[in-house]
Amino acid sequence: MRQNVRFYPTLAEASQATIVLGITTSPEYKRRYKEDPRLPAHPDVVYKAEWQGWLHFLDKSKEPFYRTLTEASQATIALGITTRAEYNQRYKEDPRLPAVPNAVYKAEWQGWPHFLGKPKVQF
């Protein structure tokens, strides 16, 4: 049992121990934290005052999405993505592309053809 085990005194120490174990995601942490008896099951509770999220705890910086629709569109076109279906399959190739660009860039959104750099069809 882990009842009488003392946890690392600081979030930084627990974080470092987690990183040394090679743990890179919160689901993996939940599966493997017992490999170090000084790691708590719920670091977000134990280190509540210091907690800044899993990305911080696992020392992973999350790149923000592209600032503008134009930047995201240019990155998508550079990847050679030509359809919405292909975008849904491949957007993760660039961590700065959102899963739902029409929501992230709602104010600028003009449709998938525009986003994918396709010429507007006139009827």
N, C-alpha and C. Protein backbone atom coordinates (compact mmCIF):
# COMPACT_ATOMS: atom_id res chain seq x y z
N MET A 1 0.84 -1.18 0.00
CA MET A 1 0.00 0.00 0.00
C MET A 1 0.89 1.24 0.00
N ARG A 2 0.34 2.34 -0.49
CA ARG A 2 1.08 3.60 -0.60
C ARG A 2 0.66 4.58 0.50
N GLN A 3 -0.03 4.13 1.51
CA GLN A 3 -0.61 5.01 2.51
C GLN A 3 0.41 5.88 3.24
N ASN A 4 1.51 5.31 3.66
CA ASN A 4 2.46 6.05 4.48
C ASN A 4 3.61 6.66 3.68
N VAL A 5 3.49 6.63 2.39
CA VAL A 5 4.54 7.18 1.53
C VAL A 5 4.41 8.70 1.48
N ARG A 6 5.52 9.37 1.56
CA ARG A 6 5.52 10.82 1.46
C ARG A 6 5.74 11.21 0.00
N PHE A 7 4.91 12.10 -0.47
CA PHE A 7 5.05 12.59 -1.84
C PHE A 7 6.20 13.58 -1.92
N TYR A 8 6.65 13.85 -3.15
CA TYR A 8 7.67 14.87 -3.35
C TYR A 8 7.15 16.17 -2.75
N PRO A 9 8.02 16.94 -2.09
CA PRO A 9 7.55 18.14 -1.41
C PRO A 9 7.08 19.26 -2.34
N THR A 10 7.56 19.26 -3.59
CA THR A 10 7.14 20.33 -4.50
C THR A 10 6.67 19.75 -5.84
N LEU A 11 5.90 20.54 -6.51
CA LEU A 11 5.44 20.18 -7.85
C LEU A 11 6.64 19.99 -8.78
N ALA A 12 7.63 20.87 -8.68
CA ALA A 12 8.80 20.79 -9.55
C ALA A 12 9.52 19.45 -9.40
N GLU A 13 9.64 18.97 -8.18
CA GLU A 13 10.31 17.68 -7.95
C GLU A 13 9.48 16.52 -8.49
N ALA A 14 8.18 16.58 -8.29
CA ALA A 14 7.30 15.53 -8.84
C ALA A 14 7.33 15.56 -10.36
N SER A 15 7.33 16.75 -10.91
CA SER A 15 7.39 16.90 -12.36
C SER A 15 8.68 16.31 -12.91
N GLN A 16 9.79 16.63 -12.28
CA GLN A 16 11.08 16.11 -12.73
C GLN A 16 11.12 14.59 -12.66
N ALA A 17 10.60 14.02 -11.59
CA ALA A 17 10.57 12.56 -11.45
C ALA A 17 9.71 11.93 -12.55
N THR A 18 8.63 12.58 -12.89
CA THR A 18 7.73 12.09 -13.94
C THR A 18 8.45 12.10 -15.29
N ILE A 19 9.16 13.18 -15.55
CA ILE A 19 9.88 13.34 -16.81
C ILE A 19 11.01 12.30 -16.91
N VAL A 20 11.68 12.05 -15.80
CA VAL A 20 12.75 11.04 -15.78
C VAL A 20 12.19 9.66 -16.12
N LEU A 21 10.96 9.39 -15.70
CA LEU A 21 10.33 8.10 -16.04
C LEU A 21 9.95 8.02 -17.52
N GLY A 22 10.01 9.15 -18.21
CA GLY A 22 9.66 9.16 -19.63
C GLY A 22 8.17 9.28 -19.88
N ILE A 23 7.42 9.71 -18.89
CA ILE A 23 5.97 9.87 -19.03
C ILE A 23 5.70 11.16 -19.78
N THR A 24 4.88 11.07 -20.84
CA THR A 24 4.67 12.24 -21.69
C THR A 24 3.22 12.70 -21.81
N THR A 25 2.26 11.94 -21.27
CA THR A 25 0.86 12.33 -21.36
C THR A 25 0.16 12.07 -20.03
N SER A 26 -0.96 12.74 -19.80
CA SER A 26 -1.69 12.50 -18.55
C SER A 26 -2.26 11.08 -18.48
N PRO A 27 -2.80 10.49 -19.57
CA PRO A 27 -3.24 9.09 -19.47
C PRO A 27 -2.10 8.14 -19.11
N GLU A 28 -0.92 8.39 -19.68
CA GLU A 28 0.24 7.56 -19.36
C GLU A 28 0.62 7.74 -17.89
N TYR A 29 0.55 8.96 -17.40
CA TYR A 29 0.84 9.21 -15.99
C TYR A 29 -0.10 8.39 -15.12
N LYS A 30 -1.37 8.40 -15.45
CA LYS A 30 -2.37 7.67 -14.64
C LYS A 30 -2.11 6.17 -14.64
N ARG A 31 -1.51 5.67 -15.71
CA ARG A 31 -1.16 4.24 -15.77
C ARG A 31 0.14 3.93 -15.04
N ARG A 32 1.08 4.88 -15.04
CA ARG A 32 2.44 4.56 -14.60
C ARG A 32 2.93 5.25 -13.35
N TYR A 33 2.18 6.16 -12.75
CA TYR A 33 2.71 6.93 -11.62
C TYR A 33 3.19 6.05 -10.47
N LYS A 34 2.63 4.85 -10.34
CA LYS A 34 3.00 3.96 -9.23
C LYS A 34 4.43 3.43 -9.36
N GLU A 35 5.06 3.65 -10.52
CA GLU A 35 6.45 3.22 -10.70
C GLU A 35 7.37 4.00 -9.75
N ASP A 36 6.93 5.15 -9.31
CA ASP A 36 7.67 5.94 -8.31
C ASP A 36 6.73 6.15 -7.14
N PRO A 37 6.98 5.51 -6.00
CA PRO A 37 6.06 5.59 -4.87
C PRO A 37 5.88 7.00 -4.30
N ARG A 38 6.71 7.93 -4.71
CA ARG A 38 6.58 9.30 -4.22
C ARG A 38 5.72 10.18 -5.12
N LEU A 39 5.21 9.59 -6.22
CA LEU A 39 4.32 10.35 -7.10
C LEU A 39 2.86 10.11 -6.68
N PRO A 40 2.09 11.20 -6.57
CA PRO A 40 0.68 11.03 -6.19
C PRO A 40 -0.19 10.65 -7.38
N ALA A 41 -1.32 10.04 -7.10
CA ALA A 41 -2.27 9.69 -8.15
C ALA A 41 -2.85 10.95 -8.79
N HIS A 42 -3.01 11.99 -7.97
CA HIS A 42 -3.63 13.23 -8.44
C HIS A 42 -2.72 14.43 -8.12
N PRO A 43 -1.70 14.64 -8.95
CA PRO A 43 -0.79 15.75 -8.66
C PRO A 43 -1.49 17.11 -8.69
N ASP A 44 -2.57 17.21 -9.45
CA ASP A 44 -3.32 18.46 -9.52
C ASP A 44 -3.98 18.81 -8.18
N VAL A 45 -4.24 17.80 -7.36
CA VAL A 45 -4.83 18.01 -6.03
C VAL A 45 -3.72 18.22 -5.00
N VAL A 46 -2.72 17.35 -5.02
CA VAL A 46 -1.63 17.41 -4.04
C VAL A 46 -0.86 18.73 -4.16
N TYR A 47 -0.65 19.19 -5.38
CA TYR A 47 0.12 20.42 -5.61
C TYR A 47 -0.80 21.54 -6.13
N LYS A 48 -1.99 21.58 -5.59
CA LYS A 48 -3.04 22.49 -6.08
C LYS A 48 -2.56 23.95 -6.17
N ALA A 49 -1.85 24.42 -5.18
CA ALA A 49 -1.40 25.82 -5.16
C ALA A 49 -0.43 26.14 -6.29
N GLU A 50 0.32 25.13 -6.74
CA GLU A 50 1.33 25.34 -7.79
C GLU A 50 0.87 24.87 -9.17
N TRP A 51 -0.21 24.10 -9.23
CA TRP A 51 -0.63 23.41 -10.45
C TRP A 51 -0.96 24.40 -11.56
N GLN A 52 -0.37 24.16 -12.74
CA GLN A 52 -0.63 25.00 -13.92
C GLN A 52 -1.11 24.17 -15.11
N GLY A 53 -1.40 22.91 -14.87
CA GLY A 53 -1.88 22.06 -15.96
C GLY A 53 -0.89 20.97 -16.31
N TRP A 54 -1.41 19.97 -17.05
CA TRP A 54 -0.60 18.82 -17.42
C TRP A 54 0.55 19.19 -18.34
N LEU A 55 0.33 20.11 -19.28
CA LEU A 55 1.41 20.49 -20.18
C LEU A 55 2.60 21.05 -19.40
N HIS A 56 2.31 21.87 -18.41
CA HIS A 56 3.37 22.41 -17.57
C HIS A 56 4.03 21.31 -16.75
N PHE A 57 3.22 20.45 -16.13
CA PHE A 57 3.73 19.38 -15.29
C PHE A 57 4.64 18.43 -16.08
N LEU A 58 4.27 18.15 -17.32
CA LEU A 58 5.04 17.23 -18.15
C LEU A 58 6.11 17.95 -18.99
N ASP A 59 6.26 19.25 -18.72
CA ASP A 59 7.25 20.08 -19.41
C ASP A 59 7.08 20.04 -20.92
N LYS A 60 5.83 20.18 -21.34
CA LYS A 60 5.54 20.21 -22.77
C LYS A 60 4.93 21.56 -23.09
N SER A 61 5.56 22.26 -23.98
CA SER A 61 4.98 23.54 -24.36
C SER A 61 4.00 23.30 -25.50
N LYS A 62 2.85 23.87 -25.37
CA LYS A 62 1.85 23.73 -26.42
C LYS A 62 1.94 24.98 -27.29
N GLU A 63 2.25 24.74 -28.54
CA GLU A 63 2.32 25.87 -29.44
C GLU A 63 0.91 26.39 -29.69
N PRO A 64 0.76 27.69 -29.70
CA PRO A 64 -0.58 28.23 -29.97
C PRO A 64 -0.94 28.05 -31.44
N PHE A 65 -2.22 28.15 -31.72
CA PHE A 65 -2.66 28.10 -33.11
C PHE A 65 -2.11 29.32 -33.85
N TYR A 66 -2.09 29.24 -35.16
CA TYR A 66 -1.69 30.40 -35.95
C TYR A 66 -2.58 31.58 -35.56
N ARG A 67 -1.98 32.77 -35.54
CA ARG A 67 -2.68 33.97 -35.11
C ARG A 67 -3.87 34.31 -36.00
N THR A 68 -3.71 34.10 -37.30
CA THR A 68 -4.76 34.48 -38.23
C THR A 68 -5.18 33.31 -39.12
N LEU A 69 -6.34 33.47 -39.72
CA LEU A 69 -6.84 32.49 -40.68
C LEU A 69 -5.87 32.40 -41.86
N THR A 70 -5.36 33.52 -42.29
CA THR A 70 -4.44 33.53 -43.44
C THR A 70 -3.21 32.68 -43.16
N GLU A 71 -2.63 32.82 -41.97
CA GLU A 71 -1.45 32.02 -41.61
C GLU A 71 -1.78 30.53 -41.58
N ALA A 72 -2.92 30.19 -41.00
CA ALA A 72 -3.34 28.78 -40.93
C ALA A 72 -3.61 28.24 -42.34
N SER A 73 -4.23 29.05 -43.16
CA SER A 73 -4.52 28.67 -44.54
C SER A 73 -3.22 28.41 -45.31
N GLN A 74 -2.26 29.32 -45.19
CA GLN A 74 -0.98 29.16 -45.88
C GLN A 74 -0.26 27.89 -45.44
N ALA A 75 -0.32 27.59 -44.13
CA ALA A 75 0.33 26.37 -43.62
C ALA A 75 -0.37 25.12 -44.16
N THR A 76 -1.68 25.18 -44.26
CA THR A 76 -2.46 24.05 -44.79
C THR A 76 -2.13 23.82 -46.25
N ILE A 77 -2.09 24.88 -47.02
CA ILE A 77 -1.77 24.78 -48.44
C ILE A 77 -0.34 24.27 -48.62
N ALA A 78 0.57 24.71 -47.77
CA ALA A 78 1.97 24.26 -47.84
C ALA A 78 2.09 22.75 -47.61
N LEU A 79 1.18 22.21 -46.80
CA LEU A 79 1.17 20.75 -46.57
C LEU A 79 0.59 19.99 -47.75
N GLY A 80 0.01 20.73 -48.70
CA GLY A 80 -0.58 20.08 -49.87
C GLY A 80 -1.98 19.54 -49.62
N ILE A 81 -2.62 20.01 -48.57
CA ILE A 81 -3.98 19.57 -48.24
C ILE A 81 -4.95 20.28 -49.17
N THR A 82 -5.82 19.50 -49.82
CA THR A 82 -6.71 20.09 -50.83
C THR A 82 -8.20 19.92 -50.56
N THR A 83 -8.56 19.10 -49.55
CA THR A 83 -9.98 18.92 -49.25
C THR A 83 -10.21 18.97 -47.74
N ARG A 84 -11.45 19.18 -47.38
CA ARG A 84 -11.81 19.20 -45.96
C ARG A 84 -11.54 17.84 -45.32
N ALA A 85 -11.89 16.77 -46.02
CA ALA A 85 -11.66 15.42 -45.50
C ALA A 85 -10.17 15.17 -45.27
N GLU A 86 -9.36 15.62 -46.21
CA GLU A 86 -7.91 15.45 -46.07
C GLU A 86 -7.39 16.28 -44.89
N TYR A 87 -7.94 17.49 -44.74
CA TYR A 87 -7.55 18.33 -43.60
C TYR A 87 -7.84 17.60 -42.29
N ASN A 88 -9.03 17.01 -42.18
CA ASN A 88 -9.42 16.30 -40.95
C ASN A 88 -8.49 15.13 -40.65
N GLN A 89 -7.91 14.54 -41.68
CA GLN A 89 -6.99 13.42 -41.49
C GLN A 89 -5.57 13.89 -41.20
N ARG A 90 -5.19 15.07 -41.71
CA ARG A 90 -3.78 15.45 -41.68
C ARG A 90 -3.42 16.69 -40.88
N TYR A 91 -4.38 17.42 -40.34
CA TYR A 91 -4.06 18.70 -39.68
C TYR A 91 -3.05 18.54 -38.54
N LYS A 92 -2.98 17.36 -37.93
CA LYS A 92 -2.06 17.15 -36.81
C LYS A 92 -0.59 17.13 -37.24
N GLU A 93 -0.35 17.12 -38.55
CA GLU A 93 1.02 17.18 -39.04
C GLU A 93 1.66 18.52 -38.68
N ASP A 94 0.84 19.51 -38.42
CA ASP A 94 1.31 20.82 -37.97
C ASP A 94 0.61 21.12 -36.65
N PRO A 95 1.34 21.11 -35.52
CA PRO A 95 0.69 21.30 -34.23
C PRO A 95 0.01 22.66 -34.05
N ARG A 96 0.28 23.59 -34.95
CA ARG A 96 -0.35 24.91 -34.85
C ARG A 96 -1.66 25.00 -35.62
N LEU A 97 -2.06 23.92 -36.29
CA LEU A 97 -3.35 23.90 -36.99
C LEU A 97 -4.42 23.35 -36.06
N PRO A 98 -5.55 24.05 -35.96
CA PRO A 98 -6.63 23.57 -35.11
C PRO A 98 -7.46 22.48 -35.78
N ALA A 99 -8.12 21.68 -34.98
CA ALA A 99 -9.01 20.63 -35.51
C ALA A 99 -10.21 21.25 -36.22
N VAL A 100 -10.67 22.37 -35.71
CA VAL A 100 -11.88 23.01 -36.26
C VAL A 100 -11.55 24.48 -36.59
N PRO A 101 -10.91 24.70 -37.73
CA PRO A 101 -10.49 26.07 -38.04
C PRO A 101 -11.66 27.05 -38.19
N ASN A 102 -12.80 26.56 -38.66
CA ASN A 102 -13.96 27.46 -38.82
C ASN A 102 -14.46 27.97 -37.48
N ALA A 103 -14.17 27.28 -36.39
CA ALA A 103 -14.55 27.75 -35.05
C ALA A 103 -13.47 28.69 -34.50
N VAL A 104 -12.20 28.31 -34.66
CA VAL A 104 -11.10 29.10 -34.14
C VAL A 104 -11.00 30.46 -34.84
N TYR A 105 -11.23 30.46 -36.14
CA TYR A 105 -11.13 31.70 -36.92
C TYR A 105 -12.52 32.16 -37.39
N LYS A 106 -13.49 32.00 -36.53
CA LYS A 106 -14.90 32.25 -36.86
C LYS A 106 -15.13 33.63 -37.50
N ALA A 107 -14.51 34.65 -36.95
CA ALA A 107 -14.73 36.01 -37.45
C ALA A 107 -14.20 36.20 -38.88
N GLU A 108 -13.17 35.44 -39.25
CA GLU A 108 -12.55 35.58 -40.57
C GLU A 108 -13.02 34.53 -41.57
N TRP A 109 -13.68 33.49 -41.09
CA TRP A 109 -13.98 32.31 -41.91
C TRP A 109 -14.85 32.65 -43.11
N GLN A 110 -14.41 32.17 -44.30
CA GLN A 110 -15.16 32.40 -45.54
C GLN A 110 -15.47 31.10 -46.25
N GLY A 111 -15.22 29.98 -45.59
CA GLY A 111 -15.53 28.68 -46.18
C GLY A 111 -14.28 27.87 -46.48
N TRP A 112 -14.50 26.58 -46.65
CA TRP A 112 -13.38 25.66 -46.90
C TRP A 112 -12.66 25.96 -48.21
N PRO A 113 -13.37 26.24 -49.32
CA PRO A 113 -12.62 26.54 -50.55
C PRO A 113 -11.63 27.70 -50.36
N HIS A 114 -12.08 28.76 -49.70
CA HIS A 114 -11.19 29.90 -49.43
C HIS A 114 -10.01 29.47 -48.56
N PHE A 115 -10.28 28.73 -47.50
CA PHE A 115 -9.25 28.27 -46.57
C PHE A 115 -8.21 27.40 -47.28
N LEU A 116 -8.67 26.58 -48.22
CA LEU A 116 -7.78 25.66 -48.92
C LEU A 116 -7.15 26.28 -50.17
N GLY A 117 -7.42 27.56 -50.40
CA GLY A 117 -6.81 28.28 -51.51
C GLY A 117 -7.36 27.91 -52.87
N LYS A 118 -8.61 27.50 -52.89
CA LYS A 118 -9.24 27.13 -54.17
C LYS A 118 -9.97 28.35 -54.73
N PRO A 119 -9.92 28.50 -56.04
CA PRO A 119 -10.59 29.66 -56.63
C PRO A 119 -12.11 29.58 -56.46
N LYS A 120 -12.70 30.74 -56.29
CA LYS A 120 -14.15 30.81 -56.11
C LYS A 120 -14.81 30.52 -57.46
N VAL A 121 -15.77 29.61 -57.44
CA VAL A 121 -16.47 29.23 -58.66
C VAL A 121 -17.63 30.18 -58.89
N GLN A 122 -17.69 30.77 -60.08
CA GLN A 122 -18.79 31.66 -60.44
C GLN A 122 -19.79 30.90 -61.29
N PHE A 123 -21.04 31.07 -60.98
CA PHE A 123 -22.09 30.42 -61.78
C PHE A 123 -22.80 31.44 -62.62
